[in-house]
Amino acid sequence: MTGASLRLVAHGHTAALRGARFGGADDGLDEGGLRAALAPASSDAHRRGPLGVHDTCLSSPALAARQTADALGLLPTIVTALADCDYGTWAGLSLEEIAHTQPQALHDWLSAPESAPHGGESVTAVRERVGRWLDEQHRAGGRIVAVTHPLVIRVAVVHALGLPVATYRQVDVEPLAIVRLTSQGARWHLRLGG
């Protein structure tokens, strides 16, 4: 087995993120999100490589992820396993709207990761999808940068560390955050710092 290094990059701000709305695949970066994603490209830190040397660059199919990758000067291959949760009928709606019109459904979704009252994917299903992809990267090895969604990164961390799926709620991932996972053996390690 060869070592693996994975940098998961959260896409920049979108109007849906700022408005606490369930996003969709067509949500692009808002003006502030684009400016923030472009900022590292002009800094000295970027020239030294905040994303490190990589063999492969991947991206969620979502517009915000592709725009973030482009702003960072990356040329990613699109990978459907990195897609955001399918929020079904809730796509485009705010938490406040769901709380007002479907309070029990929202409670179920927030309290049970296997619940999908919106008709889309449950968080458990997202973790299973992302976990399979993460396990494949672990076996393959190499240095990978992947631009994706905060929820995808949250469940990836939970999977990599072997934590119960419900702990994803305790992992916060901000727009443009970089989470690094490394492996030289049987399991992933969360690496903090440079």
N, C-alpha and C. Protein backbone atom coordinates (compact mmCIF):
# COMPACT_ATOMS: atom_id res chain seq x y z
N MET A 1 0.84 -1.18 0.00
CA MET A 1 0.00 0.00 0.00
C MET A 1 0.89 1.24 0.00
N THR A 2 0.52 2.21 -0.81
CA THR A 2 1.23 3.48 -0.80
C THR A 2 0.50 4.45 0.11
N GLY A 3 1.20 5.48 0.54
CA GLY A 3 0.58 6.48 1.39
C GLY A 3 -0.45 7.29 0.62
N ALA A 4 -1.37 7.86 1.37
CA ALA A 4 -2.40 8.71 0.77
C ALA A 4 -2.43 10.04 1.49
N SER A 5 -2.61 11.09 0.74
CA SER A 5 -2.77 12.43 1.28
C SER A 5 -3.96 13.06 0.57
N LEU A 6 -4.93 13.48 1.34
CA LEU A 6 -6.16 14.04 0.78
C LEU A 6 -6.43 15.37 1.43
N ARG A 7 -6.54 16.39 0.58
CA ARG A 7 -6.95 17.72 1.06
C ARG A 7 -8.36 17.96 0.55
N LEU A 8 -9.29 18.07 1.48
CA LEU A 8 -10.69 18.35 1.16
C LEU A 8 -10.90 19.85 1.32
N VAL A 9 -11.32 20.50 0.25
CA VAL A 9 -11.51 21.95 0.23
C VAL A 9 -13.00 22.25 0.13
N ALA A 10 -13.52 23.00 1.08
CA ALA A 10 -14.94 23.39 1.03
C ALA A 10 -15.10 24.52 0.02
N HIS A 11 -16.13 24.43 -0.79
CA HIS A 11 -16.36 25.51 -1.76
C HIS A 11 -16.66 26.81 -1.05
N GLY A 12 -16.53 27.91 -1.79
CA GLY A 12 -16.77 29.23 -1.23
C GLY A 12 -18.24 29.49 -0.96
N HIS A 13 -18.50 30.66 -0.40
CA HIS A 13 -19.87 31.06 -0.05
C HIS A 13 -20.79 31.13 -1.26
N THR A 14 -22.00 30.69 -1.05
CA THR A 14 -23.09 30.82 -2.01
C THR A 14 -24.22 31.57 -1.32
N ALA A 15 -25.18 32.04 -2.09
CA ALA A 15 -26.35 32.69 -1.48
C ALA A 15 -27.08 31.71 -0.57
N ALA A 16 -27.14 30.44 -0.96
CA ALA A 16 -27.82 29.44 -0.13
C ALA A 16 -27.12 29.28 1.22
N LEU A 17 -25.79 29.21 1.22
CA LEU A 17 -25.07 29.10 2.50
C LEU A 17 -25.32 30.31 3.38
N ARG A 18 -25.23 31.48 2.80
CA ARG A 18 -25.42 32.70 3.59
C ARG A 18 -26.84 32.82 4.12
N GLY A 19 -27.81 32.29 3.37
CA GLY A 19 -29.21 32.38 3.78
C GLY A 19 -29.72 31.16 4.52
N ALA A 20 -28.82 30.27 4.93
CA ALA A 20 -29.20 29.03 5.63
C ALA A 20 -30.28 28.28 4.85
N ARG A 21 -30.02 28.14 3.54
CA ARG A 21 -30.93 27.42 2.66
C ARG A 21 -30.31 26.10 2.23
N PHE A 22 -31.18 25.14 2.00
CA PHE A 22 -30.72 23.88 1.44
C PHE A 22 -30.36 24.15 -0.02
N GLY A 23 -29.12 23.88 -0.37
CA GLY A 23 -28.62 24.23 -1.70
C GLY A 23 -29.00 23.23 -2.77
N GLY A 24 -28.64 23.59 -3.97
CA GLY A 24 -28.83 22.74 -5.14
C GLY A 24 -27.58 22.76 -6.00
N ALA A 25 -27.53 21.88 -6.96
CA ALA A 25 -26.34 21.73 -7.81
C ALA A 25 -26.04 22.97 -8.63
N ASP A 26 -27.02 23.83 -8.86
CA ASP A 26 -26.82 25.00 -9.71
C ASP A 26 -26.47 26.26 -8.94
N ASP A 27 -26.28 26.14 -7.63
CA ASP A 27 -25.92 27.30 -6.82
C ASP A 27 -24.46 27.64 -7.07
N GLY A 28 -24.24 28.82 -7.66
CA GLY A 28 -22.88 29.26 -7.88
C GLY A 28 -22.39 30.09 -6.71
N LEU A 29 -21.10 30.41 -6.73
CA LEU A 29 -20.55 31.28 -5.70
C LEU A 29 -21.19 32.65 -5.78
N ASP A 30 -21.44 33.27 -4.63
CA ASP A 30 -21.90 34.65 -4.66
C ASP A 30 -20.66 35.54 -4.82
N GLU A 31 -20.87 36.84 -4.91
CA GLU A 31 -19.76 37.76 -5.18
C GLU A 31 -18.67 37.66 -4.11
N GLY A 32 -19.07 37.61 -2.85
CA GLY A 32 -18.10 37.50 -1.77
C GLY A 32 -17.38 36.15 -1.79
N GLY A 33 -18.10 35.11 -2.12
CA GLY A 33 -17.50 33.79 -2.20
C GLY A 33 -16.45 33.71 -3.31
N LEU A 34 -16.75 34.33 -4.44
CA LEU A 34 -15.79 34.34 -5.54
C LEU A 34 -14.55 35.15 -5.18
N ARG A 35 -14.76 36.32 -4.57
CA ARG A 35 -13.61 37.15 -4.15
C ARG A 35 -12.71 36.39 -3.17
N ALA A 36 -13.33 35.73 -2.21
CA ALA A 36 -12.56 34.99 -1.21
C ALA A 36 -11.80 33.82 -1.84
N ALA A 37 -12.44 33.14 -2.80
CA ALA A 37 -11.77 32.01 -3.47
C ALA A 37 -10.62 32.50 -4.33
N LEU A 38 -10.75 33.66 -4.92
CA LEU A 38 -9.68 34.22 -5.76
C LEU A 38 -8.53 34.78 -4.94
N ALA A 39 -8.78 35.19 -3.70
CA ALA A 39 -7.76 35.85 -2.89
C ALA A 39 -6.48 35.04 -2.73
N PRO A 40 -6.55 33.73 -2.43
CA PRO A 40 -5.28 32.99 -2.28
C PRO A 40 -4.46 32.94 -3.56
N ALA A 41 -5.10 33.06 -4.70
CA ALA A 41 -4.38 32.97 -5.98
C ALA A 41 -3.39 34.11 -6.13
N SER A 42 -3.62 35.23 -5.45
CA SER A 42 -2.72 36.37 -5.60
C SER A 42 -1.77 36.52 -4.41
N SER A 43 -1.87 35.63 -3.42
CA SER A 43 -1.03 35.77 -2.23
C SER A 43 0.25 34.95 -2.35
N ASP A 44 1.24 35.33 -1.58
CA ASP A 44 2.49 34.58 -1.54
C ASP A 44 2.26 33.17 -1.01
N ALA A 45 1.33 33.03 -0.08
CA ALA A 45 1.06 31.70 0.50
C ALA A 45 0.62 30.73 -0.58
N HIS A 46 -0.17 31.22 -1.55
CA HIS A 46 -0.64 30.33 -2.62
C HIS A 46 0.53 29.88 -3.50
N ARG A 47 1.45 30.77 -3.73
CA ARG A 47 2.60 30.40 -4.56
C ARG A 47 3.41 29.28 -3.90
N ARG A 48 3.41 29.26 -2.58
CA ARG A 48 4.10 28.18 -1.86
C ARG A 48 3.23 26.93 -1.81
N GLY A 49 1.97 27.05 -2.18
CA GLY A 49 1.12 25.89 -2.28
C GLY A 49 0.32 25.52 -1.05
N PRO A 50 -0.71 26.30 -0.67
CA PRO A 50 -1.51 25.94 0.49
C PRO A 50 -2.22 24.60 0.30
N LEU A 51 -2.39 24.21 -0.95
CA LEU A 51 -3.02 22.92 -1.22
C LEU A 51 -1.97 21.84 -1.43
N GLY A 52 -0.72 22.21 -1.36
CA GLY A 52 0.36 21.24 -1.49
C GLY A 52 0.49 20.71 -2.90
N VAL A 53 1.51 19.91 -3.08
CA VAL A 53 1.71 19.23 -4.35
C VAL A 53 0.67 18.12 -4.42
N HIS A 54 0.05 17.99 -5.58
CA HIS A 54 -0.95 16.93 -5.71
C HIS A 54 -0.82 16.24 -7.06
N ASP A 55 -1.24 14.97 -7.07
CA ASP A 55 -1.25 14.18 -8.29
C ASP A 55 -2.58 14.30 -9.03
N THR A 56 -3.63 14.49 -8.25
CA THR A 56 -4.99 14.47 -8.79
C THR A 56 -5.81 15.57 -8.15
N CYS A 57 -6.63 16.23 -8.95
CA CYS A 57 -7.58 17.21 -8.44
C CYS A 57 -8.98 16.77 -8.84
N LEU A 58 -9.88 16.76 -7.87
CA LEU A 58 -11.25 16.31 -8.09
C LEU A 58 -12.21 17.38 -7.61
N SER A 59 -13.45 17.29 -8.10
CA SER A 59 -14.47 18.25 -7.68
C SER A 59 -15.85 17.62 -7.70
N SER A 60 -16.68 18.12 -6.82
CA SER A 60 -18.11 17.83 -6.89
C SER A 60 -18.62 18.38 -8.22
N PRO A 61 -19.71 17.81 -8.74
CA PRO A 61 -20.27 18.36 -9.97
C PRO A 61 -20.94 19.72 -9.79
N ALA A 62 -21.17 20.15 -8.56
CA ALA A 62 -21.90 21.40 -8.31
C ALA A 62 -21.13 22.62 -8.82
N LEU A 63 -21.87 23.59 -9.29
CA LEU A 63 -21.28 24.81 -9.84
C LEU A 63 -20.37 25.51 -8.84
N ALA A 64 -20.79 25.62 -7.59
CA ALA A 64 -19.97 26.31 -6.59
C ALA A 64 -18.62 25.62 -6.41
N ALA A 65 -18.59 24.31 -6.42
CA ALA A 65 -17.34 23.57 -6.28
C ALA A 65 -16.45 23.78 -7.50
N ARG A 66 -17.04 23.72 -8.69
CA ARG A 66 -16.26 23.92 -9.91
C ARG A 66 -15.72 25.34 -9.99
N GLN A 67 -16.52 26.32 -9.59
CA GLN A 67 -16.06 27.71 -9.60
C GLN A 67 -14.94 27.92 -8.58
N THR A 68 -15.05 27.28 -7.43
CA THR A 68 -14.00 27.38 -6.42
C THR A 68 -12.70 26.79 -6.95
N ALA A 69 -12.79 25.61 -7.53
CA ALA A 69 -11.59 24.97 -8.10
C ALA A 69 -10.96 25.88 -9.15
N ASP A 70 -11.77 26.45 -10.01
CA ASP A 70 -11.27 27.34 -11.05
C ASP A 70 -10.58 28.56 -10.44
N ALA A 71 -11.23 29.16 -9.43
CA ALA A 71 -10.65 30.35 -8.78
C ALA A 71 -9.32 30.02 -8.11
N LEU A 72 -9.16 28.80 -7.64
CA LEU A 72 -7.92 28.38 -7.00
C LEU A 72 -6.87 27.92 -8.00
N GLY A 73 -7.22 27.97 -9.30
CA GLY A 73 -6.29 27.59 -10.34
C GLY A 73 -6.15 26.08 -10.52
N LEU A 74 -7.17 25.35 -10.12
CA LEU A 74 -7.16 23.89 -10.23
C LEU A 74 -7.93 23.45 -11.46
N LEU A 75 -7.58 22.30 -12.00
CA LEU A 75 -8.27 21.71 -13.14
C LEU A 75 -8.81 20.34 -12.71
N PRO A 76 -9.97 20.32 -12.09
CA PRO A 76 -10.45 19.08 -11.50
C PRO A 76 -11.18 18.16 -12.47
N THR A 77 -11.18 16.89 -12.10
CA THR A 77 -12.05 15.90 -12.71
C THR A 77 -13.31 15.85 -11.84
N ILE A 78 -14.46 15.83 -12.46
CA ILE A 78 -15.73 15.80 -11.73
C ILE A 78 -15.99 14.39 -11.22
N VAL A 79 -16.35 14.30 -9.94
CA VAL A 79 -16.63 13.01 -9.30
C VAL A 79 -17.99 13.11 -8.61
N THR A 80 -18.94 12.31 -9.04
CA THR A 80 -20.29 12.39 -8.48
C THR A 80 -20.34 11.99 -7.01
N ALA A 81 -19.41 11.17 -6.55
CA ALA A 81 -19.40 10.78 -5.13
C ALA A 81 -19.17 11.98 -4.22
N LEU A 82 -18.64 13.07 -4.76
CA LEU A 82 -18.38 14.28 -3.98
C LEU A 82 -19.54 15.27 -4.00
N ALA A 83 -20.65 14.88 -4.62
CA ALA A 83 -21.83 15.76 -4.69
C ALA A 83 -22.41 16.00 -3.30
N ASP A 84 -23.06 17.14 -3.16
CA ASP A 84 -23.74 17.46 -1.91
C ASP A 84 -24.90 16.51 -1.70
N CYS A 85 -25.45 16.55 -0.52
CA CYS A 85 -26.65 15.79 -0.21
C CYS A 85 -27.77 16.19 -1.17
N ASP A 86 -28.54 15.22 -1.61
CA ASP A 86 -29.75 15.50 -2.39
C ASP A 86 -30.83 15.87 -1.38
N TYR A 87 -31.19 17.16 -1.33
CA TYR A 87 -32.15 17.64 -0.36
C TYR A 87 -33.60 17.50 -0.82
N GLY A 88 -33.81 16.87 -1.94
CA GLY A 88 -35.17 16.59 -2.41
C GLY A 88 -36.02 17.84 -2.50
N THR A 89 -37.20 17.78 -1.91
CA THR A 89 -38.16 18.88 -1.99
C THR A 89 -37.74 20.09 -1.17
N TRP A 90 -36.71 19.96 -0.36
CA TRP A 90 -36.24 21.08 0.45
C TRP A 90 -35.22 21.96 -0.28
N ALA A 91 -34.74 21.54 -1.42
CA ALA A 91 -33.73 22.33 -2.15
C ALA A 91 -34.26 23.74 -2.39
N GLY A 92 -33.47 24.72 -2.00
CA GLY A 92 -33.84 26.12 -2.17
C GLY A 92 -34.61 26.72 -1.01
N LEU A 93 -35.09 25.89 -0.10
CA LEU A 93 -35.85 26.39 1.05
C LEU A 93 -34.91 26.65 2.22
N SER A 94 -35.31 27.59 3.09
CA SER A 94 -34.50 27.89 4.26
C SER A 94 -34.91 27.00 5.43
N LEU A 95 -34.01 26.91 6.39
CA LEU A 95 -34.34 26.18 7.62
C LEU A 95 -35.58 26.79 8.27
N GLU A 96 -35.66 28.11 8.25
CA GLU A 96 -36.81 28.80 8.85
C GLU A 96 -38.11 28.41 8.15
N GLU A 97 -38.09 28.34 6.82
CA GLU A 97 -39.30 27.94 6.08
C GLU A 97 -39.70 26.51 6.41
N ILE A 98 -38.74 25.61 6.48
CA ILE A 98 -39.04 24.21 6.81
C ILE A 98 -39.55 24.12 8.24
N ALA A 99 -38.94 24.86 9.16
CA ALA A 99 -39.38 24.84 10.56
C ALA A 99 -40.82 25.31 10.69
N HIS A 100 -41.19 26.25 9.84
CA HIS A 100 -42.56 26.79 9.89
C HIS A 100 -43.57 25.85 9.25
N THR A 101 -43.22 25.26 8.13
CA THR A 101 -44.19 24.44 7.38
C THR A 101 -44.12 22.95 7.69
N GLN A 102 -42.94 22.45 8.10
CA GLN A 102 -42.76 21.02 8.36
C GLN A 102 -41.93 20.80 9.62
N PRO A 103 -42.40 21.30 10.76
CA PRO A 103 -41.56 21.24 11.96
C PRO A 103 -41.18 19.82 12.37
N GLN A 104 -42.10 18.88 12.28
CA GLN A 104 -41.78 17.51 12.68
C GLN A 104 -40.78 16.88 11.71
N ALA A 105 -40.94 17.15 10.44
CA ALA A 105 -40.00 16.61 9.44
C ALA A 105 -38.60 17.16 9.68
N LEU A 106 -38.50 18.46 9.99
CA LEU A 106 -37.19 19.05 10.27
C LEU A 106 -36.60 18.45 11.53
N HIS A 107 -37.41 18.29 12.56
CA HIS A 107 -36.94 17.66 13.79
C HIS A 107 -36.42 16.25 13.51
N ASP A 108 -37.16 15.49 12.73
CA ASP A 108 -36.73 14.13 12.39
C ASP A 108 -35.39 14.15 11.67
N TRP A 109 -35.24 15.05 10.71
CA TRP A 109 -34.01 15.12 9.93
C TRP A 109 -32.82 15.53 10.80
N LEU A 110 -33.05 16.48 11.70
CA LEU A 110 -31.96 16.96 12.56
C LEU A 110 -31.59 15.96 13.65
N SER A 111 -32.52 15.11 14.06
CA SER A 111 -32.25 14.21 15.18
C SER A 111 -31.89 12.79 14.75
N ALA A 112 -32.20 12.42 13.51
CA ALA A 112 -31.94 11.05 13.06
C ALA A 112 -31.22 11.08 11.72
N PRO A 113 -29.92 10.79 11.68
CA PRO A 113 -29.15 10.86 10.44
C PRO A 113 -29.67 9.95 9.33
N GLU A 114 -30.43 8.92 9.69
CA GLU A 114 -30.97 8.02 8.68
C GLU A 114 -32.29 8.53 8.09
N SER A 115 -32.78 9.64 8.58
CA SER A 115 -34.06 10.20 8.14
C SER A 115 -33.89 11.04 6.87
N ALA A 116 -34.86 10.93 5.97
CA ALA A 116 -34.87 11.74 4.74
C ALA A 116 -36.29 12.18 4.43
N PRO A 117 -36.89 13.01 5.30
CA PRO A 117 -38.27 13.41 5.09
C PRO A 117 -38.49 14.26 3.84
N HIS A 118 -37.43 14.78 3.26
CA HIS A 118 -37.52 15.63 2.06
C HIS A 118 -37.57 14.81 0.78
N GLY A 119 -37.42 13.50 0.91
CA GLY A 119 -37.46 12.64 -0.27
C GLY A 119 -36.14 12.50 -0.99
N GLY A 120 -35.09 13.10 -0.45
CA GLY A 120 -33.76 12.99 -1.05
C GLY A 120 -32.92 12.00 -0.27
N GLU A 121 -31.66 12.35 -0.06
CA GLU A 121 -30.73 11.48 0.67
C GLU A 121 -30.73 11.78 2.16
N SER A 122 -30.56 10.75 2.96
CA SER A 122 -30.32 10.95 4.38
C SER A 122 -28.84 11.25 4.57
N VAL A 123 -28.49 11.78 5.72
CA VAL A 123 -27.08 12.01 6.02
C VAL A 123 -26.34 10.67 6.08
N THR A 124 -27.01 9.64 6.57
CA THR A 124 -26.40 8.31 6.60
C THR A 124 -26.06 7.85 5.18
N ALA A 125 -26.96 8.09 4.24
CA ALA A 125 -26.70 7.70 2.85
C ALA A 125 -25.53 8.50 2.27
N VAL A 126 -25.43 9.78 2.62
CA VAL A 126 -24.30 10.59 2.15
C VAL A 126 -23.01 10.04 2.73
N ARG A 127 -23.03 9.70 4.03
CA ARG A 127 -21.81 9.14 4.63
C ARG A 127 -21.42 7.82 3.96
N GLU A 128 -22.38 6.99 3.64
CA GLU A 128 -22.06 5.72 2.98
C GLU A 128 -21.44 5.98 1.61
N ARG A 129 -22.01 6.91 0.85
CA ARG A 129 -21.49 7.23 -0.49
C ARG A 129 -20.08 7.80 -0.39
N VAL A 130 -19.91 8.79 0.47
CA VAL A 130 -18.62 9.43 0.63
C VAL A 130 -17.62 8.46 1.26
N GLY A 131 -18.07 7.63 2.17
CA GLY A 131 -17.19 6.65 2.80
C GLY A 131 -16.64 5.65 1.81
N ARG A 132 -17.47 5.18 0.89
CA ARG A 132 -16.98 4.27 -0.16
C ARG A 132 -15.90 4.94 -1.00
N TRP A 133 -16.15 6.20 -1.37
CA TRP A 133 -15.17 6.95 -2.15
C TRP A 133 -13.88 7.13 -1.36
N LEU A 134 -14.00 7.49 -0.10
CA LEU A 134 -12.84 7.72 0.75
C LEU A 134 -12.02 6.44 0.90
N ASP A 135 -12.69 5.31 1.07
CA ASP A 135 -12.00 4.03 1.18
C ASP A 135 -11.24 3.71 -0.11
N GLU A 136 -11.83 4.04 -1.25
CA GLU A 136 -11.15 3.82 -2.54
C GLU A 136 -9.87 4.67 -2.63
N GLN A 137 -9.94 5.91 -2.16
CA GLN A 137 -8.77 6.78 -2.20
C GLN A 137 -7.69 6.25 -1.27
N HIS A 138 -8.10 5.71 -0.15
CA HIS A 138 -7.15 5.15 0.81
C HIS A 138 -6.39 3.98 0.19
N ARG A 139 -7.11 3.11 -0.49
CA ARG A 139 -6.48 1.95 -1.13
C ARG A 139 -5.57 2.37 -2.29
N ALA A 140 -5.99 3.38 -3.05
CA ALA A 140 -5.24 3.79 -4.23
C ALA A 140 -3.99 4.58 -3.87
N GLY A 141 -4.05 5.34 -2.79
CA GLY A 141 -2.91 6.17 -2.41
C GLY A 141 -2.78 7.38 -3.31
N GLY A 142 -1.74 8.13 -3.12
CA GLY A 142 -1.50 9.33 -3.92
C GLY A 142 -1.86 10.59 -3.17
N ARG A 143 -1.61 11.71 -3.85
CA ARG A 143 -1.86 13.04 -3.27
C ARG A 143 -3.03 13.67 -4.03
N ILE A 144 -4.12 13.90 -3.32
CA ILE A 144 -5.37 14.33 -3.93
C ILE A 144 -5.86 15.62 -3.30
N VAL A 145 -6.34 16.52 -4.12
CA VAL A 145 -7.09 17.69 -3.68
C VAL A 145 -8.51 17.50 -4.21
N ALA A 146 -9.50 17.67 -3.34
CA ALA A 146 -10.90 17.51 -3.74
C ALA A 146 -11.72 18.69 -3.24
N VAL A 147 -12.38 19.38 -4.15
CA VAL A 147 -13.23 20.52 -3.80
C VAL A 147 -14.66 20.02 -3.71
N THR A 148 -15.28 20.24 -2.56
CA THR A 148 -16.61 19.68 -2.33
C THR A 148 -17.40 20.56 -1.36
N HIS A 149 -18.38 19.99 -0.71
CA HIS A 149 -19.34 20.71 0.13
C HIS A 149 -19.02 20.52 1.61
N PRO A 150 -19.37 21.50 2.43
CA PRO A 150 -19.13 21.34 3.87
C PRO A 150 -19.71 20.04 4.45
N LEU A 151 -20.93 19.69 4.08
CA LEU A 151 -21.51 18.45 4.63
C LEU A 151 -20.72 17.22 4.20
N VAL A 152 -20.28 17.20 2.96
CA VAL A 152 -19.48 16.07 2.47
C VAL A 152 -18.19 15.95 3.28
N ILE A 153 -17.56 17.08 3.56
CA ILE A 153 -16.32 17.05 4.34
C ILE A 153 -16.61 16.60 5.77
N ARG A 154 -17.70 17.07 6.33
CA ARG A 154 -18.06 16.67 7.70
C ARG A 154 -18.23 15.16 7.80
N VAL A 155 -18.97 14.56 6.86
CA VAL A 155 -19.18 13.11 6.94
C VAL A 155 -17.90 12.35 6.57
N ALA A 156 -17.05 12.94 5.73
CA ALA A 156 -15.77 12.30 5.41
C ALA A 156 -14.90 12.21 6.65
N VAL A 157 -14.84 13.28 7.44
CA VAL A 157 -14.06 13.27 8.67
C VAL A 157 -14.61 12.22 9.63
N VAL A 158 -15.92 12.18 9.78
CA VAL A 158 -16.56 11.21 10.67
C VAL A 158 -16.23 9.79 10.22
N HIS A 159 -16.33 9.54 8.92
CA HIS A 159 -16.01 8.21 8.39
C HIS A 159 -14.54 7.87 8.60
N ALA A 160 -13.67 8.81 8.27
CA ALA A 160 -12.23 8.56 8.37
C ALA A 160 -11.81 8.24 9.79
N LEU A 161 -12.44 8.86 10.76
CA LEU A 161 -12.08 8.65 12.16
C LEU A 161 -12.89 7.53 12.81
N GLY A 162 -13.81 6.93 12.05
CA GLY A 162 -14.60 5.82 12.58
C GLY A 162 -15.58 6.23 13.66
N LEU A 163 -16.11 7.44 13.57
CA LEU A 163 -17.04 7.96 14.57
C LEU A 163 -18.48 7.64 14.19
N PRO A 164 -19.40 7.64 15.14
CA PRO A 164 -20.82 7.46 14.82
C PRO A 164 -21.29 8.58 13.89
N VAL A 165 -22.16 8.24 12.96
CA VAL A 165 -22.59 9.21 11.95
C VAL A 165 -23.18 10.47 12.58
N ALA A 166 -23.88 10.35 13.70
CA ALA A 166 -24.51 11.52 14.33
C ALA A 166 -23.49 12.57 14.77
N THR A 167 -22.23 12.21 14.92
CA THR A 167 -21.23 13.18 15.34
C THR A 167 -20.89 14.19 14.25
N TYR A 168 -21.40 13.98 13.04
CA TYR A 168 -21.14 14.95 11.97
C TYR A 168 -21.62 16.34 12.38
N ARG A 169 -22.63 16.41 13.24
CA ARG A 169 -23.16 17.71 13.69
C ARG A 169 -22.14 18.48 14.54
N GLN A 170 -21.14 17.79 15.07
CA GLN A 170 -20.13 18.43 15.91
C GLN A 170 -18.90 18.86 15.12
N VAL A 171 -18.95 18.67 13.83
CA VAL A 171 -17.84 19.07 12.95
C VAL A 171 -18.31 20.26 12.13
N ASP A 172 -17.66 21.39 12.31
CA ASP A 172 -18.00 22.59 11.54
C ASP A 172 -16.96 22.77 10.43
N VAL A 173 -17.44 23.02 9.24
CA VAL A 173 -16.56 23.26 8.10
C VAL A 173 -17.01 24.55 7.43
N GLU A 174 -16.16 25.55 7.48
CA GLU A 174 -16.49 26.84 6.89
C GLU A 174 -16.14 26.86 5.40
N PRO A 175 -16.75 27.76 4.65
CA PRO A 175 -16.38 27.90 3.24
C PRO A 175 -14.88 28.13 3.08
N LEU A 176 -14.28 27.45 2.13
CA LEU A 176 -12.87 27.51 1.77
C LEU A 176 -11.95 26.87 2.82
N ALA A 177 -12.53 26.20 3.81
CA ALA A 177 -11.71 25.46 4.77
C ALA A 177 -10.99 24.32 4.04
N ILE A 178 -9.82 23.99 4.52
CA ILE A 178 -9.05 22.86 3.97
C ILE A 178 -8.86 21.86 5.09
N VAL A 179 -9.36 20.65 4.88
CA VAL A 179 -9.21 19.57 5.85
C VAL A 179 -8.28 18.53 5.24
N ARG A 180 -7.24 18.16 5.99
CA ARG A 180 -6.25 17.22 5.46
C ARG A 180 -6.34 15.88 6.17
N LEU A 181 -6.44 14.83 5.37
CA LEU A 181 -6.40 13.46 5.85
C LEU A 181 -5.18 12.80 5.24
N THR A 182 -4.45 12.05 6.05
CA THR A 182 -3.28 11.33 5.54
C THR A 182 -3.33 9.89 6.02
N SER A 183 -2.61 9.04 5.31
CA SER A 183 -2.53 7.64 5.70
C SER A 183 -1.23 7.03 5.21
N GLN A 184 -0.62 6.27 6.07
CA GLN A 184 0.54 5.47 5.70
C GLN A 184 0.28 4.01 6.05
N GLY A 185 -0.91 3.69 6.41
CA GLY A 185 -1.20 2.33 6.85
C GLY A 185 -2.67 2.00 6.76
N ALA A 186 -3.18 1.46 7.85
CA ALA A 186 -4.52 0.88 7.85
C ALA A 186 -5.64 1.90 7.97
N ARG A 187 -5.35 3.11 8.39
CA ARG A 187 -6.44 4.06 8.61
C ARG A 187 -6.03 5.49 8.27
N TRP A 188 -7.06 6.30 8.13
CA TRP A 188 -6.84 7.73 7.90
C TRP A 188 -6.49 8.41 9.21
N HIS A 189 -5.77 9.54 9.10
CA HIS A 189 -5.46 10.39 10.23
C HIS A 189 -5.84 11.81 9.85
N LEU A 190 -6.47 12.52 10.76
CA LEU A 190 -6.78 13.92 10.57
C LEU A 190 -5.52 14.71 10.91
N ARG A 191 -5.07 15.50 9.97
CA ARG A 191 -3.82 16.24 10.16
C ARG A 191 -4.15 17.72 10.27
N LEU A 192 -3.77 18.34 11.36
CA LEU A 192 -4.03 19.76 11.58
C LEU A 192 -2.71 20.52 11.45
N GLY A 193 -2.80 21.71 10.95
CA GLY A 193 -1.61 22.52 10.77
C GLY A 193 -1.21 22.57 9.31
N GLY A 194 0.06 22.89 9.04
CA GLY A 194 0.57 23.09 7.70
C GLY A 194 0.68 21.87 6.87
